[in-house]
């Protein structure tokens, strides 16, 4: 339980949307932009005036944190976009921090030191490991 590991969701390796551009965190927007505890991530670097860049359920990585997109993401004329995310930001990302869209991962640790496993009659092995977000 004491060590951390980067883990992603194998079902969300690439976004369902059609991302274009090179998105980064935008903390230059003024007070309250991307502060810890907020559920809106302000970004820039997208291709301007694009729709459906990301769709609800897509996974993104900001720093060492894994987030789920809650609403459709569209960019404005400057290539900026606000992304509704869950869970909230744990830390304020540095300005121009890369937003990872392909194979996003987050920092987790074991929830407990117990692992379960089973073997079927056909000799298929199933293993279960519980993780919690590393803080």
N, C-alpha and C. Protein backbone atom coordinates (compact mmCIF):
# COMPACT_ATOMS: atom_id res chain seq x y z
N UNK A 1 0.81 -1.20 0.00
CA UNK A 1 0.00 0.00 0.00
C UNK A 1 0.85 1.26 0.00
N UNK A 2 2.11 1.17 0.34
CA UNK A 2 2.91 2.37 0.50
C UNK A 2 3.46 2.93 -0.80
N UNK A 3 3.53 2.14 -1.85
CA UNK A 3 4.10 2.61 -3.11
C UNK A 3 3.01 3.01 -4.09
N UNK A 4 3.36 3.89 -5.02
CA UNK A 4 2.42 4.37 -6.03
C UNK A 4 2.74 3.77 -7.39
N UNK A 5 1.72 3.69 -8.24
CA UNK A 5 1.88 3.14 -9.58
C UNK A 5 0.98 3.94 -10.53
N UNK A 6 1.46 4.13 -11.77
CA UNK A 6 0.66 4.79 -12.79
C UNK A 6 -0.23 3.73 -13.46
N UNK A 7 -1.54 3.96 -13.44
CA UNK A 7 -2.50 3.00 -13.98
C UNK A 7 -3.50 3.75 -14.84
N UNK A 8 -3.87 3.15 -15.97
CA UNK A 8 -4.90 3.70 -16.83
C UNK A 8 -6.04 2.72 -16.99
N UNK A 9 -7.10 3.17 -17.62
CA UNK A 9 -8.25 2.32 -17.87
C UNK A 9 -8.10 1.72 -19.26
N UNK A 10 -7.97 0.41 -19.39
CA UNK A 10 -7.77 -0.19 -20.72
C UNK A 10 -8.95 -0.01 -21.66
N UNK A 11 -10.11 0.39 -21.15
CA UNK A 11 -11.27 0.62 -22.00
C UNK A 11 -11.29 2.03 -22.58
N UNK A 12 -10.43 2.91 -22.08
CA UNK A 12 -10.40 4.31 -22.54
C UNK A 12 -8.99 4.71 -22.94
N UNK A 13 -8.42 4.00 -23.90
CA UNK A 13 -7.06 4.27 -24.35
C UNK A 13 -7.02 5.48 -25.28
N UNK A 14 -8.04 5.65 -26.11
CA UNK A 14 -8.13 6.81 -27.00
C UNK A 14 -9.49 7.47 -26.82
N UNK A 15 -9.57 8.77 -27.07
CA UNK A 15 -10.85 9.48 -26.91
C UNK A 15 -11.88 9.05 -27.94
N UNK A 16 -13.15 9.13 -27.56
CA UNK A 16 -14.25 8.88 -28.48
C UNK A 16 -14.44 10.06 -29.43
N UNK A 17 -14.07 11.24 -28.95
CA UNK A 17 -14.20 12.45 -29.76
C UNK A 17 -13.15 12.49 -30.85
N UNK A 18 -13.01 13.66 -31.46
CA UNK A 18 -12.05 13.84 -32.55
C UNK A 18 -11.10 14.98 -32.19
N UNK A 19 -10.16 14.73 -31.26
CA UNK A 19 -9.26 15.79 -30.83
C UNK A 19 -8.31 16.23 -31.93
N UNK A 20 -8.06 17.53 -31.99
CA UNK A 20 -7.06 18.05 -32.92
C UNK A 20 -6.36 19.23 -32.27
N UNK A 21 -5.09 19.36 -32.52
CA UNK A 21 -4.28 20.38 -31.88
C UNK A 21 -3.40 19.75 -30.82
N UNK A 22 -2.76 20.62 -30.05
CA UNK A 22 -1.88 20.18 -28.96
C UNK A 22 -2.35 20.86 -27.69
N UNK A 23 -3.33 20.28 -26.99
CA UNK A 23 -3.90 20.94 -25.82
C UNK A 23 -2.96 20.99 -24.62
N UNK A 24 -2.98 22.14 -23.96
CA UNK A 24 -2.21 22.33 -22.73
C UNK A 24 -3.10 23.07 -21.73
N UNK A 25 -2.73 22.98 -20.45
CA UNK A 25 -3.47 23.70 -19.41
C UNK A 25 -3.26 25.20 -19.58
N UNK A 26 -4.31 25.96 -19.34
CA UNK A 26 -4.25 27.42 -19.47
C UNK A 26 -4.51 28.04 -18.10
N UNK A 27 -3.45 28.37 -17.38
CA UNK A 27 -3.60 29.01 -16.08
C UNK A 27 -3.34 30.51 -16.16
N UNK A 28 -3.15 31.04 -17.37
CA UNK A 28 -2.94 32.47 -17.54
C UNK A 28 -4.23 33.26 -17.66
N UNK A 29 -5.38 32.59 -17.52
CA UNK A 29 -6.67 33.25 -17.73
C UNK A 29 -7.12 34.15 -16.61
N UNK A 30 -6.40 34.18 -15.50
CA UNK A 30 -6.79 35.05 -14.39
C UNK A 30 -7.06 34.25 -13.13
N UNK A 31 -7.57 34.92 -12.12
CA UNK A 31 -7.84 34.30 -10.84
C UNK A 31 -8.89 33.20 -10.98
N UNK A 32 -8.64 32.06 -10.39
CA UNK A 32 -9.60 30.97 -10.42
C UNK A 32 -9.43 30.01 -11.58
N UNK A 33 -8.54 30.30 -12.52
CA UNK A 33 -8.32 29.39 -13.64
C UNK A 33 -7.51 28.20 -13.16
N UNK A 34 -8.11 27.03 -13.23
CA UNK A 34 -7.45 25.76 -12.93
C UNK A 34 -6.88 25.68 -11.52
N UNK A 35 -7.57 26.25 -10.56
CA UNK A 35 -7.12 26.13 -9.17
C UNK A 35 -7.57 24.79 -8.60
N UNK A 36 -6.85 24.32 -7.61
CA UNK A 36 -7.18 23.04 -6.98
C UNK A 36 -8.61 23.10 -6.45
N UNK A 37 -9.36 22.02 -6.68
CA UNK A 37 -10.73 21.93 -6.20
C UNK A 37 -11.79 22.26 -7.24
N UNK A 38 -11.39 22.82 -8.38
CA UNK A 38 -12.38 23.17 -9.40
C UNK A 38 -12.65 21.96 -10.30
N UNK A 39 -13.83 21.95 -10.90
CA UNK A 39 -14.22 20.85 -11.78
C UNK A 39 -14.23 21.29 -13.24
N UNK A 40 -13.64 22.43 -13.54
CA UNK A 40 -13.49 22.89 -14.92
C UNK A 40 -12.01 23.09 -15.20
N UNK A 41 -11.54 22.45 -16.26
CA UNK A 41 -10.15 22.56 -16.67
C UNK A 41 -10.11 23.46 -17.90
N UNK A 42 -9.43 24.59 -17.79
CA UNK A 42 -9.30 25.53 -18.91
C UNK A 42 -8.05 25.17 -19.71
N UNK A 43 -8.22 25.06 -21.02
CA UNK A 43 -7.13 24.62 -21.88
C UNK A 43 -7.00 25.54 -23.09
N UNK A 44 -5.86 25.42 -23.77
CA UNK A 44 -5.62 26.13 -25.02
C UNK A 44 -4.80 25.22 -25.92
N UNK A 45 -4.63 25.61 -27.17
CA UNK A 45 -3.82 24.83 -28.08
C UNK A 45 -4.61 23.89 -28.98
N UNK A 46 -5.93 23.91 -28.88
CA UNK A 46 -6.77 23.10 -29.77
C UNK A 46 -6.85 23.78 -31.14
N UNK A 47 -7.24 23.03 -32.14
CA UNK A 47 -7.55 23.62 -33.44
C UNK A 47 -8.78 24.50 -33.26
N UNK A 48 -8.75 25.77 -33.69
CA UNK A 48 -9.88 26.68 -33.47
C UNK A 48 -11.18 26.21 -34.13
N UNK A 49 -12.28 26.56 -33.48
CA UNK A 49 -13.64 26.33 -33.99
C UNK A 49 -13.92 24.88 -34.35
N UNK A 50 -13.58 23.97 -33.46
CA UNK A 50 -13.85 22.55 -33.69
C UNK A 50 -14.88 22.06 -32.67
N UNK A 51 -15.72 21.15 -33.11
CA UNK A 51 -16.75 20.58 -32.26
C UNK A 51 -16.44 19.11 -31.99
N UNK A 52 -16.91 18.63 -30.85
CA UNK A 52 -16.76 17.23 -30.46
C UNK A 52 -15.29 16.81 -30.36
N UNK A 53 -14.46 17.69 -29.81
CA UNK A 53 -13.05 17.34 -29.59
C UNK A 53 -12.96 16.17 -28.60
N UNK A 54 -13.72 16.28 -27.54
CA UNK A 54 -13.83 15.21 -26.55
C UNK A 54 -15.31 15.02 -26.25
N UNK A 55 -15.66 13.81 -25.88
CA UNK A 55 -17.06 13.48 -25.58
C UNK A 55 -17.19 13.02 -24.14
N UNK A 56 -18.41 13.08 -23.58
CA UNK A 56 -18.60 12.61 -22.20
C UNK A 56 -18.10 11.17 -22.04
N UNK A 57 -17.35 10.95 -20.99
CA UNK A 57 -16.79 9.63 -20.72
C UNK A 57 -15.34 9.48 -21.13
N UNK A 58 -14.83 10.38 -21.98
CA UNK A 58 -13.43 10.31 -22.36
C UNK A 58 -12.54 10.51 -21.14
N UNK A 59 -11.38 9.88 -21.14
CA UNK A 59 -10.42 10.02 -20.05
C UNK A 59 -9.27 10.92 -20.51
N UNK A 60 -8.81 11.79 -19.60
CA UNK A 60 -7.65 12.65 -19.88
C UNK A 60 -6.71 12.60 -18.68
N UNK A 61 -5.46 12.91 -18.94
CA UNK A 61 -4.46 12.97 -17.87
C UNK A 61 -3.92 14.38 -17.77
N UNK A 62 -3.90 14.90 -16.54
CA UNK A 62 -3.32 16.21 -16.25
C UNK A 62 -2.28 15.97 -15.16
N UNK A 63 -1.02 16.15 -15.50
CA UNK A 63 0.03 15.84 -14.52
C UNK A 63 0.01 14.34 -14.23
N UNK A 64 -0.12 14.00 -12.95
CA UNK A 64 -0.20 12.59 -12.55
C UNK A 64 -1.62 12.17 -12.22
N UNK A 65 -2.61 12.94 -12.67
CA UNK A 65 -4.00 12.67 -12.31
C UNK A 65 -4.83 12.25 -13.52
N UNK A 66 -5.72 11.33 -13.29
CA UNK A 66 -6.62 10.81 -14.32
C UNK A 66 -8.00 11.42 -14.07
N UNK A 67 -8.60 11.99 -15.13
CA UNK A 67 -9.91 12.62 -15.02
C UNK A 67 -10.84 12.10 -16.10
N UNK A 68 -12.13 12.17 -15.84
CA UNK A 68 -13.15 11.79 -16.80
C UNK A 68 -13.83 13.07 -17.30
N UNK A 69 -14.04 13.17 -18.61
CA UNK A 69 -14.71 14.32 -19.23
C UNK A 69 -16.22 14.14 -19.03
N UNK A 70 -16.90 15.21 -18.58
CA UNK A 70 -18.33 15.12 -18.28
C UNK A 70 -19.23 15.63 -19.40
N UNK A 71 -18.75 16.58 -20.20
CA UNK A 71 -19.56 17.20 -21.25
C UNK A 71 -18.77 17.24 -22.55
N UNK A 72 -19.49 17.41 -23.65
CA UNK A 72 -18.82 17.56 -24.95
C UNK A 72 -17.92 18.79 -24.92
N UNK A 73 -16.75 18.67 -25.53
CA UNK A 73 -15.77 19.77 -25.54
C UNK A 73 -15.65 20.33 -26.95
N UNK A 74 -15.82 21.64 -27.06
CA UNK A 74 -15.68 22.37 -28.32
C UNK A 74 -14.67 23.48 -28.12
N UNK A 75 -13.93 23.83 -29.16
CA UNK A 75 -12.96 24.93 -29.04
C UNK A 75 -13.56 26.21 -29.62
N UNK A 76 -13.08 27.35 -29.11
CA UNK A 76 -13.54 28.64 -29.63
C UNK A 76 -12.61 29.10 -30.75
N UNK A 77 -12.77 30.33 -31.20
CA UNK A 77 -11.98 30.86 -32.31
C UNK A 77 -10.50 30.99 -32.02
N UNK A 78 -10.14 31.03 -30.74
CA UNK A 78 -8.72 31.14 -30.36
C UNK A 78 -8.10 29.78 -30.07
N UNK A 79 -8.90 28.71 -30.14
CA UNK A 79 -8.38 27.38 -29.83
C UNK A 79 -8.42 27.06 -28.34
N UNK A 80 -9.21 27.83 -27.58
CA UNK A 80 -9.37 27.57 -26.15
C UNK A 80 -10.60 26.69 -25.93
N UNK A 81 -10.58 25.91 -24.85
CA UNK A 81 -11.73 25.08 -24.50
C UNK A 81 -11.75 24.87 -22.99
N UNK A 82 -12.96 24.88 -22.43
CA UNK A 82 -13.17 24.56 -21.02
C UNK A 82 -13.70 23.14 -20.94
N UNK A 83 -13.10 22.32 -20.11
CA UNK A 83 -13.47 20.91 -19.99
C UNK A 83 -14.03 20.66 -18.60
N UNK A 84 -15.27 20.18 -18.53
CA UNK A 84 -15.86 19.76 -17.25
C UNK A 84 -15.30 18.38 -16.92
N UNK A 85 -14.70 18.25 -15.74
CA UNK A 85 -14.03 17.00 -15.38
C UNK A 85 -14.49 16.46 -14.04
N UNK A 86 -14.25 15.19 -13.85
CA UNK A 86 -14.43 14.53 -12.56
C UNK A 86 -13.28 13.56 -12.38
N UNK A 87 -12.67 13.45 -11.25
CA UNK A 87 -12.85 14.27 -10.06
C UNK A 87 -12.24 15.65 -10.24
N UNK A 88 -12.43 16.49 -9.25
CA UNK A 88 -11.91 17.85 -9.31
C UNK A 88 -10.37 17.84 -9.35
N UNK A 89 -9.81 18.97 -9.76
CA UNK A 89 -8.35 19.09 -9.79
C UNK A 89 -7.80 18.98 -8.37
N UNK A 90 -6.78 18.18 -8.19
CA UNK A 90 -6.16 18.02 -6.86
C UNK A 90 -5.09 19.08 -6.64
N UNK A 91 -4.41 19.48 -7.72
CA UNK A 91 -3.38 20.51 -7.66
C UNK A 91 -3.62 21.47 -8.82
N UNK A 92 -3.05 22.66 -8.72
CA UNK A 92 -3.10 23.61 -9.83
C UNK A 92 -2.02 23.21 -10.82
N UNK A 93 -2.40 22.85 -12.06
CA UNK A 93 -1.37 22.48 -13.04
C UNK A 93 -0.55 23.69 -13.45
N UNK A 94 0.70 23.48 -13.77
CA UNK A 94 1.54 24.57 -14.28
C UNK A 94 1.00 25.02 -15.63
N UNK A 95 1.17 26.30 -15.93
CA UNK A 95 0.72 26.81 -17.22
C UNK A 95 1.43 26.06 -18.33
N UNK A 96 0.70 25.69 -19.36
CA UNK A 96 1.19 24.96 -20.52
C UNK A 96 1.52 23.50 -20.22
N UNK A 97 0.98 22.96 -19.11
CA UNK A 97 1.16 21.52 -18.84
C UNK A 97 0.40 20.74 -19.90
N UNK A 98 1.01 19.71 -20.42
CA UNK A 98 0.40 18.90 -21.47
C UNK A 98 -0.83 18.17 -20.96
N UNK A 99 -1.88 18.12 -21.79
CA UNK A 99 -3.07 17.33 -21.51
C UNK A 99 -2.91 16.05 -22.33
N UNK A 100 -2.79 14.92 -21.66
CA UNK A 100 -2.57 13.65 -22.34
C UNK A 100 -3.91 13.02 -22.67
N UNK A 101 -4.11 12.74 -23.96
CA UNK A 101 -5.38 12.20 -24.44
C UNK A 101 -5.29 10.73 -24.81
N UNK A 102 -4.12 10.26 -25.21
CA UNK A 102 -3.95 8.87 -25.61
C UNK A 102 -3.24 8.10 -24.50
N UNK A 103 -3.87 7.01 -24.09
CA UNK A 103 -3.39 6.18 -22.99
C UNK A 103 -3.18 7.00 -21.71
N UNK A 104 -4.21 7.76 -21.27
CA UNK A 104 -4.06 8.54 -20.04
C UNK A 104 -3.96 7.63 -18.82
N UNK A 105 -3.18 8.07 -17.85
CA UNK A 105 -2.98 7.30 -16.63
C UNK A 105 -3.05 8.22 -15.43
N UNK A 106 -3.24 7.63 -14.28
CA UNK A 106 -3.26 8.38 -13.03
C UNK A 106 -2.41 7.67 -12.00
N UNK A 107 -2.06 8.39 -10.95
CA UNK A 107 -1.22 7.86 -9.88
C UNK A 107 -2.11 7.22 -8.82
N UNK A 108 -1.92 5.91 -8.60
CA UNK A 108 -2.74 5.16 -7.66
C UNK A 108 -1.86 4.33 -6.74
N UNK A 109 -2.47 3.83 -5.68
CA UNK A 109 -1.81 2.88 -4.79
C UNK A 109 -2.81 1.79 -4.45
N UNK A 110 -2.33 0.69 -3.89
CA UNK A 110 -3.22 -0.38 -3.48
C UNK A 110 -4.16 0.10 -2.38
N UNK A 111 -5.43 -0.29 -2.46
CA UNK A 111 -6.39 0.07 -1.43
C UNK A 111 -6.12 -0.71 -0.15
N UNK A 112 -5.64 -1.92 -0.30
CA UNK A 112 -5.25 -2.75 0.84
C UNK A 112 -4.23 -3.77 0.34
N UNK A 113 -3.67 -4.50 1.25
CA UNK A 113 -2.64 -5.47 0.86
C UNK A 113 -3.22 -6.83 0.51
N UNK A 114 -4.52 -6.87 0.28
CA UNK A 114 -5.18 -8.13 -0.04
C UNK A 114 -5.43 -8.23 -1.54
N UNK A 115 -5.07 -9.36 -2.13
CA UNK A 115 -5.37 -9.64 -3.52
C UNK A 115 -6.11 -10.95 -3.57
N UNK A 116 -7.11 -11.02 -4.44
CA UNK A 116 -7.85 -12.27 -4.58
C UNK A 116 -7.63 -12.84 -5.97
N UNK A 117 -7.72 -14.14 -6.06
CA UNK A 117 -7.58 -14.79 -7.35
C UNK A 117 -8.36 -16.10 -7.32
N UNK A 118 -8.68 -16.56 -8.51
CA UNK A 118 -9.39 -17.82 -8.63
C UNK A 118 -8.99 -18.49 -9.94
N UNK A 119 -9.16 -19.81 -9.97
CA UNK A 119 -8.88 -20.58 -11.17
C UNK A 119 -10.13 -21.40 -11.50
N UNK A 120 -10.57 -21.30 -12.76
CA UNK A 120 -11.76 -22.04 -13.18
C UNK A 120 -11.37 -23.47 -13.58
N UNK A 121 -12.39 -24.29 -13.85
CA UNK A 121 -12.13 -25.66 -14.29
C UNK A 121 -11.36 -25.71 -15.60
N UNK A 122 -11.51 -24.64 -16.43
CA UNK A 122 -10.79 -24.57 -17.70
C UNK A 122 -9.40 -23.96 -17.54
N UNK A 123 -8.98 -23.78 -16.30
CA UNK A 123 -7.68 -23.23 -15.94
C UNK A 123 -7.51 -21.76 -16.34
N UNK A 124 -8.60 -21.00 -16.37
CA UNK A 124 -8.53 -19.55 -16.56
C UNK A 124 -8.35 -18.92 -15.19
N UNK A 125 -7.36 -18.07 -15.07
CA UNK A 125 -7.07 -17.43 -13.79
C UNK A 125 -7.60 -16.00 -13.79
N UNK A 126 -8.26 -15.64 -12.70
CA UNK A 126 -8.78 -14.29 -12.52
C UNK A 126 -8.13 -13.70 -11.27
N UNK A 127 -7.65 -12.47 -11.40
CA UNK A 127 -6.99 -11.80 -10.29
C UNK A 127 -7.69 -10.46 -10.06
N UNK A 128 -7.88 -10.09 -8.80
CA UNK A 128 -8.55 -8.84 -8.47
C UNK A 128 -7.66 -8.01 -7.56
N UNK A 129 -7.42 -6.75 -7.98
CA UNK A 129 -6.60 -5.82 -7.20
C UNK A 129 -7.37 -4.51 -7.09
N UNK A 130 -7.51 -3.98 -5.89
CA UNK A 130 -8.23 -2.72 -5.69
C UNK A 130 -7.23 -1.58 -5.53
N UNK A 131 -7.47 -0.47 -6.30
CA UNK A 131 -6.64 0.72 -6.23
C UNK A 131 -7.44 1.91 -5.72
N UNK A 132 -6.75 2.86 -5.10
CA UNK A 132 -7.32 4.16 -4.74
C UNK A 132 -6.36 5.23 -5.23
N UNK A 133 -6.89 6.42 -5.44
CA UNK A 133 -6.04 7.52 -5.92
C UNK A 133 -4.97 7.84 -4.89
N UNK A 134 -3.77 8.02 -5.36
CA UNK A 134 -2.64 8.36 -4.49
C UNK A 134 -2.67 9.85 -4.20
N UNK A 135 -2.57 10.21 -2.95
CA UNK A 135 -2.60 11.65 -2.60
C UNK A 135 -1.36 12.03 -1.86
